[in-house]
Amino acid sequence: MYIIEKDICEGVGDCVNVCPVDCIKEGDGINTKGTIFFFIEDTCISCGACLAVCPVEGAIIPD
């Protein structure tokens, strides 16, 4: 399973459309950078598609 580091995520959202199980959702509010952020639900299948398209280094990491 992967997790998205809330305060590193910049809200680009490229990860959302590539997720085959639709487990990436927008979080409530904004992070410390002042941007929206995303999180990964427990239904993650660890396929790595989100990691491959995320342009923000360190935003998505293995749990």
PDB file of N, CA and C in Angstrom:
ATOM      1  N   MET A   1       0.841  -1.180   0.000  1.00  0.00           N
ATOM      2  CA  MET A   1       0.000   0.000   0.000  1.00  0.00           C
ATOM      3  C   MET A   1       0.887   1.244   0.000  1.00  0.00           C
ATOM      4  N   TYR A   2       0.387   2.289  -0.638  1.00  0.00           N
ATOM      5  CA  TYR A   2       1.091   3.568  -0.668  1.00  0.00           C
ATOM      6  C   TYR A   2       0.315   4.596   0.148  1.00  0.00           C
ATOM      7  N   ILE A   3       1.029   5.625   0.591  1.00  0.00           N
ATOM      8  CA  ILE A   3       0.375   6.741   1.261  1.00  0.00           C
ATOM      9  C   ILE A   3       0.847   8.029   0.603  1.00  0.00           C
ATOM     10  N   ILE A   4       0.034   9.048   0.713  1.00  0.00           N
ATOM     11  CA  ILE A   4       0.397  10.371   0.216  1.00  0.00           C
ATOM     12  C   ILE A   4       0.712  11.236   1.424  1.00  0.00           C
ATOM     13  N   GLU A   5       1.899  11.816   1.415  1.00  0.00           N
ATOM     14  CA  GLU A   5       2.301  12.718   2.483  1.00  0.00           C
ATOM     15  C   GLU A   5       1.541  14.031   2.303  1.00  0.00           C
ATOM     16  N   LYS A   6       0.599  14.282   3.181  1.00  0.00           N
ATOM     17  CA  LYS A   6      -0.303  15.432   3.083  1.00  0.00           C
ATOM     18  C   LYS A   6       0.428  16.748   2.845  1.00  0.00           C
ATOM     19  N   ASP A   7       1.475  17.013   3.598  1.00  0.00           N
ATOM     20  CA  ASP A   7       2.139  18.305   3.516  1.00  0.00           C
ATOM     21  C   ASP A   7       3.221  18.383   2.432  1.00  0.00           C
ATOM     22  N   ILE A   8       3.423  17.297   1.700  1.00  0.00           N
ATOM     23  CA  ILE A   8       4.318  17.328   0.534  1.00  0.00           C
ATOM     24  C   ILE A   8       3.493  17.400  -0.745  1.00  0.00           C
ATOM     25  N   CYS A   9       2.325  16.777  -0.742  1.00  0.00           N
ATOM     26  CA  CYS A   9       1.420  16.797  -1.897  1.00  0.00           C
ATOM     27  C   CYS A   9       1.120  18.241  -2.298  1.00  0.00           C
ATOM     28  N   GLU A  10       1.150  18.500  -3.604  1.00  0.00           N
ATOM     29  CA  GLU A  10       0.852  19.837  -4.109  1.00  0.00           C
ATOM     30  C   GLU A  10      -0.495  19.899  -4.833  1.00  0.00           C
ATOM     31  N   GLY A  11      -1.279  18.832  -4.733  1.00  0.00           N
ATOM     32  CA  GLY A  11      -2.621  18.833  -5.288  1.00  0.00           C
ATOM     33  C   GLY A  11      -2.690  18.778  -6.797  1.00  0.00           C
ATOM     34  N   VAL A  12      -1.637  18.294  -7.451  1.00  0.00           N
ATOM     35  CA  VAL A  12      -1.624  18.209  -8.912  1.00  0.00           C
ATOM     36  C   VAL A  12      -2.742  17.294  -9.393  1.00  0.00           C
ATOM     37  N   GLY A  13      -2.897  16.145  -8.779  1.00  0.00           N
ATOM     38  CA  GLY A  13      -4.005  15.249  -9.078  1.00  0.00           C
ATOM     39  C   GLY A  13      -3.789  14.266 -10.208  1.00  0.00           C
ATOM     40  N   ASP A  14      -2.585  14.188 -10.773  1.00  0.00           N
ATOM     41  CA  ASP A  14      -2.320  13.213 -11.836  1.00  0.00           C
ATOM     42  C   ASP A  14      -2.567  11.791 -11.354  1.00  0.00           C
ATOM     43  N   CYS A  15      -2.384  11.562 -10.088  1.00  0.00           N
ATOM     44  CA  CYS A  15      -2.544  10.234  -9.501  1.00  0.00           C
ATOM     45  C   CYS A  15      -3.990   9.745  -9.527  1.00  0.00           C
ATOM     46  N   VAL A  16      -4.922  10.656  -9.422  1.00  0.00           N
ATOM     47  CA  VAL A  16      -6.335  10.285  -9.309  1.00  0.00           C
ATOM     48  C   VAL A  16      -6.816   9.500 -10.524  1.00  0.00           C
ATOM     49  N   ASN A  17      -6.514   9.986 -11.706  1.00  0.00           N
ATOM     50  CA  ASN A  17      -7.023   9.356 -12.924  1.00  0.00           C
ATOM     51  C   ASN A  17      -6.351   8.048 -13.297  1.00  0.00           C
ATOM     52  N   VAL A  18      -5.151   7.790 -12.784  1.00  0.00           N
ATOM     53  CA  VAL A  18      -4.467   6.540 -13.132  1.00  0.00           C
ATOM     54  C   VAL A  18      -4.756   5.402 -12.167  1.00  0.00           C
ATOM     55  N   CYS A  19      -5.368   5.686 -11.052  1.00  0.00           N
ATOM     56  CA  CYS A  19      -5.637   4.644 -10.057  1.00  0.00           C
ATOM     57  C   CYS A  19      -6.703   3.674 -10.568  1.00  0.00           C
ATOM     58  N   PRO A  20      -6.352   2.381 -10.712  1.00  0.00           N
ATOM     59  CA  PRO A  20      -7.316   1.419 -11.249  1.00  0.00           C
ATOM     60  C   PRO A  20      -8.439   1.048 -10.280  1.00  0.00           C
ATOM     61  N   VAL A  21      -8.284   1.357  -8.998  1.00  0.00           N
ATOM     62  CA  VAL A  21      -9.326   1.011  -8.029  1.00  0.00           C
ATOM     63  C   VAL A  21      -9.977   2.250  -7.411  1.00  0.00           C
ATOM     64  N   ASP A  22      -9.715   3.412  -7.971  1.00  0.00           N
ATOM     65  CA  ASP A  22     -10.349   4.663  -7.552  1.00  0.00           C
ATOM     66  C   ASP A  22     -10.242   4.896  -6.040  1.00  0.00           C
ATOM     67  N   CYS A  23      -9.028   4.707  -5.506  1.00  0.00           N
ATOM     68  CA  CYS A  23      -8.864   4.851  -4.055  1.00  0.00           C
ATOM     69  C   CYS A  23      -8.189   6.158  -3.648  1.00  0.00           C
ATOM     70  N   ILE A  24      -7.941   7.054  -4.594  1.00  0.00           N
ATOM     71  CA  ILE A  24      -7.292   8.324  -4.257  1.00  0.00           C
ATOM     72  C   ILE A  24      -8.352   9.417  -4.237  1.00  0.00           C
ATOM     73  N   LYS A  25      -8.472  10.053  -3.094  1.00  0.00           N
ATOM     74  CA  LYS A  25      -9.522  11.045  -2.879  1.00  0.00           C
ATOM     75  C   LYS A  25      -8.931  12.368  -2.429  1.00  0.00           C
ATOM     76  N   GLU A  26      -9.663  13.443  -2.668  1.00  0.00           N
ATOM     77  CA  GLU A  26      -9.236  14.760  -2.219  1.00  0.00           C
ATOM     78  C   GLU A  26      -9.494  14.891  -0.725  1.00  0.00           C
ATOM     79  N   GLY A  27      -8.502  15.407  -0.012  1.00  0.00           N
ATOM     80  CA  GLY A  27      -8.643  15.619   1.422  1.00  0.00           C
ATOM     81  C   GLY A  27      -9.465  16.859   1.719  1.00  0.00           C
ATOM     82  N   ASP A  28      -9.849  16.992   2.947  1.00  0.00           N
ATOM     83  CA  ASP A  28     -10.602  18.166   3.384  1.00  0.00           C
ATOM     84  C   ASP A  28      -9.649  19.316   3.681  1.00  0.00           C
ATOM     85  N   GLY A  29      -9.955  20.477   3.150  1.00  0.00           N
ATOM     86  CA  GLY A  29      -9.164  21.659   3.451  1.00  0.00           C
ATOM     87  C   GLY A  29      -7.905  21.755   2.625  1.00  0.00           C
ATOM     88  N   ILE A  30      -6.890  22.395   3.218  1.00  0.00           N
ATOM     89  CA  ILE A  30      -5.611  22.583   2.552  1.00  0.00           C
ATOM     90  C   ILE A  30      -4.486  22.128   3.473  1.00  0.00           C
ATOM     91  N   ASN A  31      -3.309  21.929   2.885  1.00  0.00           N
ATOM     92  CA  ASN A  31      -2.163  21.502   3.688  1.00  0.00           C
ATOM     93  C   ASN A  31      -1.321  22.706   4.097  1.00  0.00           C
ATOM     94  N   THR A  32      -0.143  22.441   4.659  1.00  0.00           N
ATOM     95  CA  THR A  32       0.703  23.536   5.121  1.00  0.00           C
ATOM     96  C   THR A  32       1.268  24.375   3.979  1.00  0.00           C
ATOM     97  N   LYS A  33       1.242  23.837   2.752  1.00  0.00           N
ATOM     98  CA  LYS A  33       1.686  24.594   1.578  1.00  0.00           C
ATOM     99  C   LYS A  33       0.587  25.514   1.057  1.00  0.00           C
ATOM    100  N   GLY A  34      -0.623  25.326   1.596  1.00  0.00           N
ATOM    101  CA  GLY A  34      -1.761  26.120   1.142  1.00  0.00           C
ATOM    102  C   GLY A  34      -2.429  25.562  -0.094  1.00  0.00           C
ATOM    103  N   THR A  35      -2.179  24.281  -0.397  1.00  0.00           N
ATOM    104  CA  THR A  35      -2.786  23.652  -1.569  1.00  0.00           C
ATOM    105  C   THR A  35      -3.737  22.536  -1.135  1.00  0.00           C
ATOM    106  N   ILE A  36      -4.590  22.131  -2.070  1.00  0.00           N
ATOM    107  CA  ILE A  36      -5.394  20.943  -1.799  1.00  0.00           C
ATOM    108  C   ILE A  36      -4.434  19.762  -1.734  1.00  0.00           C
ATOM    109  N   PHE A  37      -4.900  18.668  -1.205  1.00  0.00           N
ATOM    110  CA  PHE A  37      -4.075  17.471  -1.122  1.00  0.00           C
ATOM    111  C   PHE A  37      -4.954  16.259  -1.327  1.00  0.00           C
ATOM    112  N   PHE A  38      -4.329  15.135  -1.587  1.00  0.00           N
ATOM    113  CA  PHE A  38      -5.045  13.887  -1.790  1.00  0.00           C
ATOM    114  C   PHE A  38      -4.593  12.864  -0.761  1.00  0.00           C
ATOM    115  N   PHE A  39      -5.412  11.826  -0.580  1.00  0.00           N
ATOM    116  CA  PHE A  39      -5.045  10.721   0.298  1.00  0.00           C
ATOM    117  C   PHE A  39      -5.455   9.419  -0.366  1.00  0.00           C
ATOM    118  N   ILE A  40      -4.859   8.329   0.076  1.00  0.00           N
ATOM    119  CA  ILE A  40      -5.126   7.005  -0.490  1.00  0.00           C
ATOM    120  C   ILE A  40      -5.896   6.186   0.532  1.00  0.00           C
ATOM    121  N   GLU A  41      -7.035   5.660   0.095  1.00  0.00           N
ATOM    122  CA  GLU A  41      -7.860   4.828   0.970  1.00  0.00           C
ATOM    123  C   GLU A  41      -7.260   3.431   1.115  1.00  0.00           C
ATOM    124  N   ASP A  42      -7.794   2.665   2.064  1.00  0.00           N
ATOM    125  CA  ASP A  42      -7.304   1.319   2.361  1.00  0.00           C
ATOM    126  C   ASP A  42      -7.503   0.318   1.232  1.00  0.00           C
ATOM    127  N   THR A  43      -8.247   0.678   0.201  1.00  0.00           N
ATOM    128  CA  THR A  43      -8.480  -0.240  -0.908  1.00  0.00           C
ATOM    129  C   THR A  43      -7.332  -0.250  -1.914  1.00  0.00           C
ATOM    130  N   CYS A  44      -6.255   0.448  -1.605  1.00  0.00           N
ATOM    131  CA  CYS A  44      -5.059   0.495  -2.458  1.00  0.00           C
ATOM    132  C   CYS A  44      -4.543  -0.921  -2.700  1.00  0.00           C
ATOM    133  N   ILE A  45      -4.207  -1.221  -3.960  1.00  0.00           N
ATOM    134  CA  ILE A  45      -3.681  -2.546  -4.312  1.00  0.00           C
ATOM    135  C   ILE A  45      -2.172  -2.527  -4.563  1.00  0.00           C
ATOM    136  N   SER A  46      -1.512  -1.431  -4.242  1.00  0.00           N
ATOM    137  CA  SER A  46      -0.057  -1.294  -4.364  1.00  0.00           C
ATOM    138  C   SER A  46       0.454  -1.506  -5.781  1.00  0.00           C
ATOM    139  N   CYS A  47      -0.279  -1.025  -6.774  1.00  0.00           N
ATOM    140  CA  CYS A  47       0.136  -1.207  -8.166  1.00  0.00           C
ATOM    141  C   CYS A  47       1.247  -0.241  -8.575  1.00  0.00           C
ATOM    142  N   GLY A  48       1.363   0.898  -7.886  1.00  0.00           N
ATOM    143  CA  GLY A  48       2.416   1.864  -8.177  1.00  0.00           C
ATOM    144  C   GLY A  48       2.102   2.851  -9.283  1.00  0.00           C
ATOM    145  N   ALA A  49       0.908   2.794  -9.846  1.00  0.00           N
ATOM    146  CA  ALA A  49       0.547   3.718 -10.931  1.00  0.00           C
ATOM    147  C   ALA A  49       0.613   5.165 -10.467  1.00  0.00           C
ATOM    148  N   CYS A  50       0.160   5.438  -9.269  1.00  0.00           N
ATOM    149  CA  CYS A  50       0.177   6.801  -8.742  1.00  0.00           C
ATOM    150  C   CYS A  50       1.603   7.307  -8.568  1.00  0.00           C
ATOM    151  N   LEU A  51       2.459   6.442  -8.064  1.00  0.00           N
ATOM    152  CA  LEU A  51       3.854   6.796  -7.851  1.00  0.00           C
ATOM    153  C   LEU A  51       4.539   7.150  -9.174  1.00  0.00           C
ATOM    154  N   ALA A  52       4.210   6.420 -10.225  1.00  0.00           N
ATOM    155  CA  ALA A  52       4.836   6.627 -11.534  1.00  0.00           C
ATOM    156  C   ALA A  52       4.484   7.978 -12.153  1.00  0.00           C
ATOM    157  N   VAL A  53       3.307   8.530 -11.843  1.00  0.00           N
ATOM    158  CA  VAL A  53       2.887   9.788 -12.484  1.00  0.00           C
ATOM    159  C   VAL A  53       3.005  11.009 -11.585  1.00  0.00           C
ATOM    160  N   CYS A  54       3.280  10.824 -10.324  1.00  0.00           N
ATOM    161  CA  CYS A  54       3.360  11.964  -9.407  1.00  0.00           C
ATOM    162  C   CYS A  54       4.599  12.809  -9.703  1.00  0.00           C
ATOM    163  N   PRO A  55       4.409  14.112  -9.992  1.00  0.00           N
ATOM    164  CA  PRO A  55       5.551  14.966 -10.303  1.00  0.00           C
ATOM    165  C   PRO A  55       6.256  15.530  -9.062  1.00  0.00           C
ATOM    166  N   VAL A  56       5.727  15.253  -7.887  1.00  0.00           N
ATOM    167  CA  VAL A  56       6.277  15.827  -6.659  1.00  0.00           C
ATOM    168  C   VAL A  56       7.062  14.744  -5.901  1.00  0.00           C
ATOM    169  N   GLU A  57       8.366  14.871  -5.911  1.00  0.00           N
ATOM    170  CA  GLU A  57       9.224  13.872  -5.278  1.00  0.00           C
ATOM    171  C   GLU A  57       8.920  13.750  -3.793  1.00  0.00           C
ATOM    172  N   GLY A  58       8.705  12.503  -3.354  1.00  0.00           N
ATOM    173  CA  GLY A  58       8.461  12.230  -1.945  1.00  0.00           C
ATOM    174  C   GLY A  58       7.024  12.383  -1.498  1.00  0.00           C
ATOM    175  N   ALA A  59       6.127  12.733  -2.405  1.00  0.00           N
ATOM    176  CA  ALA A  59       4.734  12.929  -2.006  1.00  0.00           C
ATOM    177  C   ALA A  59       4.016  11.601  -1.807  1.00  0.00           C
ATOM    178  N   ILE A  60       4.383  10.584  -2.600  1.00  0.00           N
ATOM    179  CA  ILE A  60       3.771   9.265  -2.457  1.00  0.00           C
ATOM    180  C   ILE A  60       4.878   8.299  -2.064  1.00  0.00           C
ATOM    181  N   ILE A  61       4.622   7.573  -0.965  1.00  0.00           N
ATOM    182  CA  ILE A  61       5.634   6.650  -0.453  1.00  0.00           C
ATOM    183  C   ILE A  61       4.971   5.322  -0.064  1.00  0.00           C
ATOM    184  N   PRO A  62       5.759   4.246  -0.027  1.00  0.00           N
ATOM    185  CA  PRO A  62       5.215   2.963   0.464  1.00  0.00           C
ATOM    186  C   PRO A  62       4.874   3.086   1.943  1.00  0.00           C
ATOM    187  N   ASP A  63       3.810   2.428   2.347  1.00  0.00           N
ATOM    188  CA  ASP A  63       3.405   2.453   3.757  1.00  0.00           C
ATOM    189  C   ASP A  63       4.125   1.350   4.503  1.00  0.00           C
TER     190      ASP A  63
END
